[in-house]
Amino acid sequence: MSNRATLDQLRAKHAWKSIERIQEKADSIGEEYAREVKRLPIRIRASGLGQALGFLYAKSNGRSDAKALLLIDLSKWVLNERKFSDQIQNPPPPNAILTAIIQGDAEFLRRATDEVLMYLQWLGRFAEAEIKQDGEN
């Protein structure tokens, strides 16, 4: 029996920690974060990873709003944890994953897209379960 976690377990663990960090923020940031996590897979499938993350980055305002925090969480997972890039800065800037996409090749884009979509499944589940949404008591 192996003590090593599966890749899916590692995604879940990282996503859980991301949601715990968001819960420490203002409720409005948590609500917006959960909405963006829910919308992002649809945007990725419609426009591609670069365009979807570029939209998110354009709508963010610095390093502390929900959109920027989501970009940072994605960068931490894809670039630092999965080692898809030499990006080591911690925490990475919100545009780190975009920079990696622009500088990467088609194989990087494919792998990053797959990884982001799989990671967002866990992030979405945990956001739905743990972050209070409008209209909830």
N, C-alpha and C. Protein backbone atom coordinates (compact mmCIF):
# COMPACT_ATOMS: atom_id res chain seq x y z
N MET A 1 0.84 -1.18 0.00
CA MET A 1 0.00 0.00 0.00
C MET A 1 0.89 1.24 0.00
N SER A 2 0.58 2.19 -0.86
CA SER A 2 1.38 3.40 -1.01
C SER A 2 0.78 4.54 -0.18
N ASN A 3 1.67 5.36 0.39
CA ASN A 3 1.22 6.52 1.15
C ASN A 3 1.14 7.77 0.27
N ARG A 4 1.50 7.63 -0.99
CA ARG A 4 1.47 8.76 -1.90
C ARG A 4 0.04 9.08 -2.31
N ALA A 5 -0.28 10.37 -2.30
CA ALA A 5 -1.60 10.81 -2.72
C ALA A 5 -1.69 10.79 -4.24
N THR A 6 -2.88 10.54 -4.76
CA THR A 6 -3.09 10.60 -6.20
C THR A 6 -3.09 12.07 -6.64
N LEU A 7 -2.93 12.29 -7.91
CA LEU A 7 -2.97 13.65 -8.44
C LEU A 7 -4.31 14.30 -8.14
N ASP A 8 -5.38 13.55 -8.25
CA ASP A 8 -6.69 14.11 -7.95
C ASP A 8 -6.81 14.50 -6.47
N GLN A 9 -6.22 13.71 -5.59
CA GLN A 9 -6.22 14.07 -4.16
C GLN A 9 -5.40 15.34 -3.92
N LEU A 10 -4.30 15.49 -4.64
CA LEU A 10 -3.48 16.69 -4.50
C LEU A 10 -4.24 17.92 -5.00
N ARG A 11 -4.98 17.76 -6.10
CA ARG A 11 -5.83 18.86 -6.59
C ARG A 11 -6.85 19.25 -5.52
N ALA A 12 -7.49 18.25 -4.95
CA ALA A 12 -8.52 18.50 -3.94
C ALA A 12 -7.93 19.22 -2.72
N LYS A 13 -6.78 18.77 -2.27
CA LYS A 13 -6.13 19.37 -1.11
C LYS A 13 -5.79 20.84 -1.38
N HIS A 14 -5.22 21.12 -2.55
CA HIS A 14 -4.85 22.49 -2.91
C HIS A 14 -6.11 23.36 -3.03
N ALA A 15 -7.14 22.83 -3.68
CA ALA A 15 -8.39 23.57 -3.84
C ALA A 15 -9.02 23.87 -2.48
N TRP A 16 -8.99 22.90 -1.59
CA TRP A 16 -9.54 23.10 -0.24
C TRP A 16 -8.83 24.24 0.48
N LYS A 17 -7.50 24.26 0.39
CA LYS A 17 -6.73 25.33 1.02
C LYS A 17 -7.06 26.68 0.40
N SER A 18 -7.28 26.70 -0.90
CA SER A 18 -7.64 27.95 -1.57
C SER A 18 -8.98 28.47 -1.05
N ILE A 19 -9.94 27.57 -0.90
CA ILE A 19 -11.26 27.97 -0.40
C ILE A 19 -11.17 28.43 1.05
N GLU A 20 -10.34 27.77 1.85
CA GLU A 20 -10.15 28.21 3.24
C GLU A 20 -9.59 29.63 3.29
N ARG A 21 -8.65 29.95 2.40
CA ARG A 21 -8.10 31.30 2.35
C ARG A 21 -9.17 32.32 1.94
N ILE A 22 -10.02 31.94 1.01
CA ILE A 22 -11.07 32.85 0.55
C ILE A 22 -12.09 33.08 1.66
N GLN A 23 -12.36 32.08 2.46
CA GLN A 23 -13.31 32.23 3.55
C GLN A 23 -12.84 33.25 4.59
N GLU A 24 -11.55 33.50 4.64
CA GLU A 24 -11.01 34.48 5.58
C GLU A 24 -11.21 35.91 5.08
N LYS A 25 -11.60 36.06 3.82
CA LYS A 25 -11.82 37.38 3.22
C LYS A 25 -13.25 37.83 3.49
N ALA A 26 -13.57 39.02 3.03
CA ALA A 26 -14.93 39.55 3.15
C ALA A 26 -15.91 38.65 2.40
N ASP A 27 -17.15 38.60 2.89
CA ASP A 27 -18.17 37.78 2.25
C ASP A 27 -18.35 38.11 0.78
N SER A 28 -18.27 39.40 0.44
CA SER A 28 -18.47 39.80 -0.96
C SER A 28 -17.39 39.22 -1.86
N ILE A 29 -16.16 39.12 -1.36
CA ILE A 29 -15.08 38.52 -2.15
C ILE A 29 -15.34 37.03 -2.32
N GLY A 30 -15.77 36.37 -1.27
CA GLY A 30 -16.08 34.94 -1.37
C GLY A 30 -17.19 34.66 -2.36
N GLU A 31 -18.23 35.46 -2.33
CA GLU A 31 -19.35 35.28 -3.25
C GLU A 31 -18.90 35.48 -4.70
N GLU A 32 -18.12 36.54 -4.93
CA GLU A 32 -17.64 36.80 -6.29
C GLU A 32 -16.69 35.69 -6.75
N TYR A 33 -15.83 35.23 -5.86
CA TYR A 33 -14.89 34.15 -6.17
C TYR A 33 -15.67 32.91 -6.61
N ALA A 34 -16.68 32.54 -5.84
CA ALA A 34 -17.49 31.36 -6.15
C ALA A 34 -18.18 31.52 -7.51
N ARG A 35 -18.70 32.71 -7.80
CA ARG A 35 -19.33 32.96 -9.11
C ARG A 35 -18.32 32.79 -10.24
N GLU A 36 -17.13 33.36 -10.06
CA GLU A 36 -16.12 33.28 -11.11
C GLU A 36 -15.63 31.85 -11.32
N VAL A 37 -15.50 31.08 -10.24
CA VAL A 37 -15.11 29.67 -10.35
C VAL A 37 -16.15 28.91 -11.16
N LYS A 38 -17.41 29.22 -10.94
CA LYS A 38 -18.50 28.54 -11.65
C LYS A 38 -18.51 28.93 -13.13
N ARG A 39 -18.22 30.18 -13.44
CA ARG A 39 -18.28 30.67 -14.83
C ARG A 39 -17.05 30.31 -15.66
N LEU A 40 -15.91 30.18 -15.01
CA LEU A 40 -14.66 30.04 -15.75
C LEU A 40 -14.59 28.82 -16.66
N PRO A 41 -15.04 27.63 -16.25
CA PRO A 41 -14.97 26.49 -17.19
C PRO A 41 -15.76 26.74 -18.48
N ILE A 42 -16.88 27.41 -18.37
CA ILE A 42 -17.70 27.72 -19.55
C ILE A 42 -16.93 28.68 -20.47
N ARG A 43 -16.30 29.68 -19.87
CA ARG A 43 -15.51 30.63 -20.66
C ARG A 43 -14.33 29.94 -21.34
N ILE A 44 -13.68 29.04 -20.62
CA ILE A 44 -12.54 28.32 -21.19
C ILE A 44 -12.98 27.49 -22.38
N ARG A 45 -14.08 26.77 -22.25
CA ARG A 45 -14.56 25.92 -23.34
C ARG A 45 -15.02 26.75 -24.54
N ALA A 46 -15.56 27.92 -24.28
CA ALA A 46 -16.06 28.79 -25.36
C ALA A 46 -14.93 29.54 -26.08
N SER A 47 -13.95 30.04 -25.32
CA SER A 47 -12.95 30.94 -25.91
C SER A 47 -11.52 30.43 -25.83
N GLY A 48 -11.27 29.42 -25.03
CA GLY A 48 -9.91 28.96 -24.82
C GLY A 48 -9.35 29.50 -23.50
N LEU A 49 -8.33 28.85 -23.00
CA LEU A 49 -7.77 29.20 -21.69
C LEU A 49 -7.21 30.61 -21.67
N GLY A 50 -6.40 30.95 -22.65
CA GLY A 50 -5.78 32.27 -22.67
C GLY A 50 -6.80 33.40 -22.69
N GLN A 51 -7.78 33.29 -23.56
CA GLN A 51 -8.81 34.33 -23.66
C GLN A 51 -9.63 34.43 -22.37
N ALA A 52 -9.99 33.29 -21.79
CA ALA A 52 -10.80 33.30 -20.56
C ALA A 52 -10.03 33.92 -19.40
N LEU A 53 -8.75 33.54 -19.27
CA LEU A 53 -7.96 34.10 -18.17
C LEU A 53 -7.60 35.55 -18.45
N GLY A 54 -7.43 35.91 -19.71
CA GLY A 54 -7.20 37.31 -20.08
C GLY A 54 -8.38 38.18 -19.71
N PHE A 55 -9.58 37.68 -19.93
CA PHE A 55 -10.79 38.40 -19.54
C PHE A 55 -10.83 38.59 -18.03
N LEU A 56 -10.55 37.53 -17.30
CA LEU A 56 -10.54 37.59 -15.84
C LEU A 56 -9.51 38.62 -15.35
N TYR A 57 -8.33 38.58 -15.95
CA TYR A 57 -7.27 39.52 -15.57
C TYR A 57 -7.66 40.97 -15.88
N ALA A 58 -8.27 41.18 -17.03
CA ALA A 58 -8.69 42.54 -17.41
C ALA A 58 -9.74 43.09 -16.46
N LYS A 59 -10.57 42.23 -15.91
CA LYS A 59 -11.64 42.67 -15.00
C LYS A 59 -11.18 42.73 -13.54
N SER A 60 -9.99 42.23 -13.25
CA SER A 60 -9.49 42.26 -11.86
C SER A 60 -8.92 43.63 -11.55
N ASN A 61 -8.80 43.92 -10.27
CA ASN A 61 -8.22 45.21 -9.88
C ASN A 61 -7.15 45.00 -8.82
N GLY A 62 -6.01 44.58 -9.26
CA GLY A 62 -4.90 44.40 -8.32
C GLY A 62 -4.76 42.97 -7.87
N ARG A 63 -4.30 42.80 -6.62
CA ARG A 63 -4.02 41.46 -6.09
C ARG A 63 -5.02 41.00 -5.05
N SER A 64 -6.04 41.81 -4.76
CA SER A 64 -6.87 41.45 -3.62
C SER A 64 -8.34 41.24 -3.95
N ASP A 65 -8.76 41.42 -5.19
CA ASP A 65 -10.15 41.14 -5.49
C ASP A 65 -10.31 39.67 -5.87
N ALA A 66 -11.54 39.23 -5.97
CA ALA A 66 -11.82 37.81 -6.20
C ALA A 66 -11.22 37.29 -7.50
N LYS A 67 -11.29 38.08 -8.56
CA LYS A 67 -10.76 37.62 -9.85
C LYS A 67 -9.24 37.44 -9.78
N ALA A 68 -8.56 38.40 -9.17
CA ALA A 68 -7.10 38.29 -9.02
C ALA A 68 -6.74 37.11 -8.13
N LEU A 69 -7.49 36.90 -7.06
CA LEU A 69 -7.22 35.77 -6.17
C LEU A 69 -7.42 34.44 -6.88
N LEU A 70 -8.42 34.36 -7.74
CA LEU A 70 -8.63 33.13 -8.52
C LEU A 70 -7.46 32.90 -9.47
N LEU A 71 -7.01 33.94 -10.15
CA LEU A 71 -5.86 33.81 -11.04
C LEU A 71 -4.61 33.37 -10.27
N ILE A 72 -4.42 33.91 -9.08
CA ILE A 72 -3.28 33.53 -8.25
C ILE A 72 -3.39 32.05 -7.85
N ASP A 73 -4.59 31.61 -7.45
CA ASP A 73 -4.77 30.20 -7.07
C ASP A 73 -4.50 29.27 -8.25
N LEU A 74 -4.96 29.65 -9.43
CA LEU A 74 -4.69 28.83 -10.62
C LEU A 74 -3.21 28.80 -10.94
N SER A 75 -2.55 29.94 -10.80
CA SER A 75 -1.10 30.01 -11.05
C SER A 75 -0.35 29.15 -10.05
N LYS A 76 -0.75 29.23 -8.79
CA LYS A 76 -0.07 28.43 -7.76
C LYS A 76 -0.18 26.95 -8.10
N TRP A 77 -1.36 26.51 -8.51
CA TRP A 77 -1.53 25.10 -8.79
C TRP A 77 -0.79 24.69 -10.07
N VAL A 78 -1.07 25.35 -11.16
CA VAL A 78 -0.52 24.93 -12.45
C VAL A 78 0.98 25.16 -12.54
N LEU A 79 1.43 26.32 -12.12
CA LEU A 79 2.84 26.67 -12.31
C LEU A 79 3.73 26.15 -11.20
N ASN A 80 3.31 26.30 -9.95
CA ASN A 80 4.17 25.92 -8.83
C ASN A 80 4.00 24.46 -8.43
N GLU A 81 2.78 24.03 -8.21
CA GLU A 81 2.54 22.67 -7.72
C GLU A 81 2.72 21.62 -8.81
N ARG A 82 2.19 21.88 -9.98
CA ARG A 82 2.29 20.92 -11.09
C ARG A 82 3.58 21.11 -11.88
N LYS A 83 4.31 22.18 -11.59
CA LYS A 83 5.62 22.42 -12.20
C LYS A 83 5.55 22.48 -13.72
N PHE A 84 4.50 23.11 -14.24
CA PHE A 84 4.37 23.27 -15.69
C PHE A 84 5.26 24.39 -16.20
N SER A 85 5.85 25.13 -15.29
CA SER A 85 6.67 26.28 -15.68
C SER A 85 7.76 26.47 -14.64
N ASP A 86 8.69 27.34 -14.95
CA ASP A 86 9.73 27.69 -13.99
C ASP A 86 9.26 28.76 -13.01
N GLN A 87 7.99 29.14 -13.10
CA GLN A 87 7.43 30.16 -12.22
C GLN A 87 7.51 29.66 -10.77
N ILE A 88 8.30 30.33 -9.96
CA ILE A 88 8.49 29.89 -8.57
C ILE A 88 8.01 30.94 -7.58
N GLN A 89 7.90 32.19 -8.01
CA GLN A 89 7.52 33.28 -7.10
C GLN A 89 6.28 32.90 -6.31
N ASN A 90 6.31 33.14 -5.01
CA ASN A 90 5.19 32.77 -4.16
C ASN A 90 4.83 33.93 -3.25
N PRO A 91 3.65 34.48 -3.32
CA PRO A 91 2.61 34.11 -4.28
C PRO A 91 2.91 34.71 -5.65
N PRO A 92 2.47 34.02 -6.68
CA PRO A 92 2.70 34.54 -8.02
C PRO A 92 1.80 35.76 -8.28
N PRO A 93 2.21 36.64 -9.16
CA PRO A 93 1.33 37.75 -9.52
C PRO A 93 0.12 37.22 -10.29
N PRO A 94 -0.99 37.96 -10.31
CA PRO A 94 -2.18 37.46 -11.01
C PRO A 94 -1.95 37.14 -12.48
N ASN A 95 -0.99 37.80 -13.12
CA ASN A 95 -0.77 37.55 -14.54
C ASN A 95 0.25 36.44 -14.81
N ALA A 96 0.70 35.73 -13.80
CA ALA A 96 1.73 34.70 -13.98
C ALA A 96 1.30 33.60 -14.94
N ILE A 97 0.09 33.12 -14.79
CA ILE A 97 -0.36 32.03 -15.65
C ILE A 97 -0.54 32.54 -17.08
N LEU A 98 -0.98 33.78 -17.25
CA LEU A 98 -1.09 34.35 -18.60
C LEU A 98 0.27 34.48 -19.26
N THR A 99 1.25 34.93 -18.50
CA THR A 99 2.61 35.04 -19.03
C THR A 99 3.13 33.68 -19.47
N ALA A 100 2.87 32.65 -18.67
CA ALA A 100 3.31 31.30 -19.02
C ALA A 100 2.62 30.80 -20.28
N ILE A 101 1.35 31.13 -20.45
CA ILE A 101 0.62 30.73 -21.65
C ILE A 101 1.20 31.41 -22.88
N ILE A 102 1.44 32.71 -22.77
CA ILE A 102 1.99 33.47 -23.90
C ILE A 102 3.37 32.96 -24.28
N GLN A 103 4.18 32.63 -23.29
CA GLN A 103 5.55 32.19 -23.55
C GLN A 103 5.65 30.70 -23.88
N GLY A 104 4.60 29.95 -23.55
CA GLY A 104 4.63 28.50 -23.75
C GLY A 104 4.31 28.09 -25.17
N ASP A 105 4.41 26.79 -25.39
CA ASP A 105 4.08 26.25 -26.71
C ASP A 105 2.68 25.62 -26.67
N ALA A 106 2.28 25.02 -27.79
CA ALA A 106 0.94 24.43 -27.89
C ALA A 106 0.75 23.30 -26.88
N GLU A 107 1.80 22.53 -26.63
CA GLU A 107 1.72 21.43 -25.66
C GLU A 107 1.48 21.97 -24.25
N PHE A 108 2.17 23.05 -23.90
CA PHE A 108 1.94 23.66 -22.59
C PHE A 108 0.49 24.13 -22.47
N LEU A 109 -0.02 24.79 -23.50
CA LEU A 109 -1.39 25.28 -23.47
C LEU A 109 -2.38 24.14 -23.30
N ARG A 110 -2.18 23.06 -24.00
CA ARG A 110 -3.07 21.90 -23.88
C ARG A 110 -3.05 21.33 -22.48
N ARG A 111 -1.84 21.12 -21.96
CA ARG A 111 -1.71 20.55 -20.61
C ARG A 111 -2.27 21.49 -19.55
N ALA A 112 -1.98 22.78 -19.68
CA ALA A 112 -2.48 23.76 -18.72
C ALA A 112 -4.01 23.84 -18.76
N THR A 113 -4.59 23.80 -19.96
CA THR A 113 -6.05 23.84 -20.09
C THR A 113 -6.67 22.64 -19.39
N ASP A 114 -6.16 21.46 -19.68
CA ASP A 114 -6.68 20.25 -19.02
C ASP A 114 -6.56 20.35 -17.50
N GLU A 115 -5.41 20.80 -17.04
CA GLU A 115 -5.17 20.87 -15.59
C GLU A 115 -6.06 21.91 -14.93
N VAL A 116 -6.23 23.06 -15.54
CA VAL A 116 -7.10 24.09 -14.97
C VAL A 116 -8.53 23.58 -14.89
N LEU A 117 -9.02 22.94 -15.94
CA LEU A 117 -10.39 22.43 -15.92
C LEU A 117 -10.59 21.37 -14.84
N MET A 118 -9.61 20.50 -14.67
CA MET A 118 -9.73 19.46 -13.62
C MET A 118 -9.66 20.10 -12.23
N TYR A 119 -8.79 21.07 -12.06
CA TYR A 119 -8.66 21.76 -10.78
C TYR A 119 -9.94 22.53 -10.45
N LEU A 120 -10.53 23.17 -11.46
CA LEU A 120 -11.76 23.94 -11.24
C LEU A 120 -12.92 23.06 -10.80
N GLN A 121 -12.90 21.78 -11.16
CA GLN A 121 -13.95 20.88 -10.67
C GLN A 121 -13.94 20.82 -9.14
N TRP A 122 -12.76 20.64 -8.57
CA TRP A 122 -12.64 20.60 -7.11
C TRP A 122 -12.93 21.97 -6.50
N LEU A 123 -12.36 23.00 -7.08
CA LEU A 123 -12.56 24.35 -6.56
C LEU A 123 -14.05 24.70 -6.56
N GLY A 124 -14.74 24.34 -7.63
CA GLY A 124 -16.17 24.62 -7.73
C GLY A 124 -16.99 23.86 -6.71
N ARG A 125 -16.66 22.60 -6.50
CA ARG A 125 -17.38 21.80 -5.49
C ARG A 125 -17.22 22.41 -4.10
N PHE A 126 -15.98 22.74 -3.77
CA PHE A 126 -15.71 23.28 -2.43
C PHE A 126 -16.29 24.68 -2.27
N ALA A 127 -16.23 25.50 -3.31
CA ALA A 127 -16.80 26.85 -3.24
C ALA A 127 -18.31 26.76 -3.02
N GLU A 128 -18.95 25.87 -3.74
CA GLU A 128 -20.40 25.70 -3.60
C GLU A 128 -20.77 25.24 -2.19
N ALA A 129 -19.96 24.36 -1.64
CA ALA A 129 -20.27 23.81 -0.32
C ALA A 129 -19.91 24.77 0.83
N GLU A 130 -18.87 25.55 0.66
CA GLU A 130 -18.32 26.30 1.80
C GLU A 130 -18.53 27.81 1.77
N ILE A 131 -18.79 28.39 0.62
CA ILE A 131 -18.91 29.84 0.54
C ILE A 131 -20.39 30.21 0.46
N LYS A 132 -20.80 31.01 1.39
CA LYS A 132 -22.19 31.45 1.47
C LYS A 132 -22.50 32.31 0.25
N GLN A 133 -23.57 31.96 -0.45
CA GLN A 133 -24.00 32.68 -1.65
C GLN A 133 -25.16 33.61 -1.31
N ASP A 134 -25.43 34.58 -2.17
CA ASP A 134 -26.58 35.47 -1.99
C ASP A 134 -27.84 34.64 -1.82
N GLY A 135 -28.66 35.02 -0.86
CA GLY A 135 -29.92 34.33 -0.63
C GLY A 135 -29.82 33.16 0.32
N GLU A 136 -28.62 32.77 0.72
CA GLU A 136 -28.47 31.69 1.69
C GLU A 136 -28.49 32.26 3.09
N ASN A 137 -28.99 31.48 4.01
CA ASN A 137 -29.01 31.91 5.41
C ASN A 137 -27.72 31.58 6.09
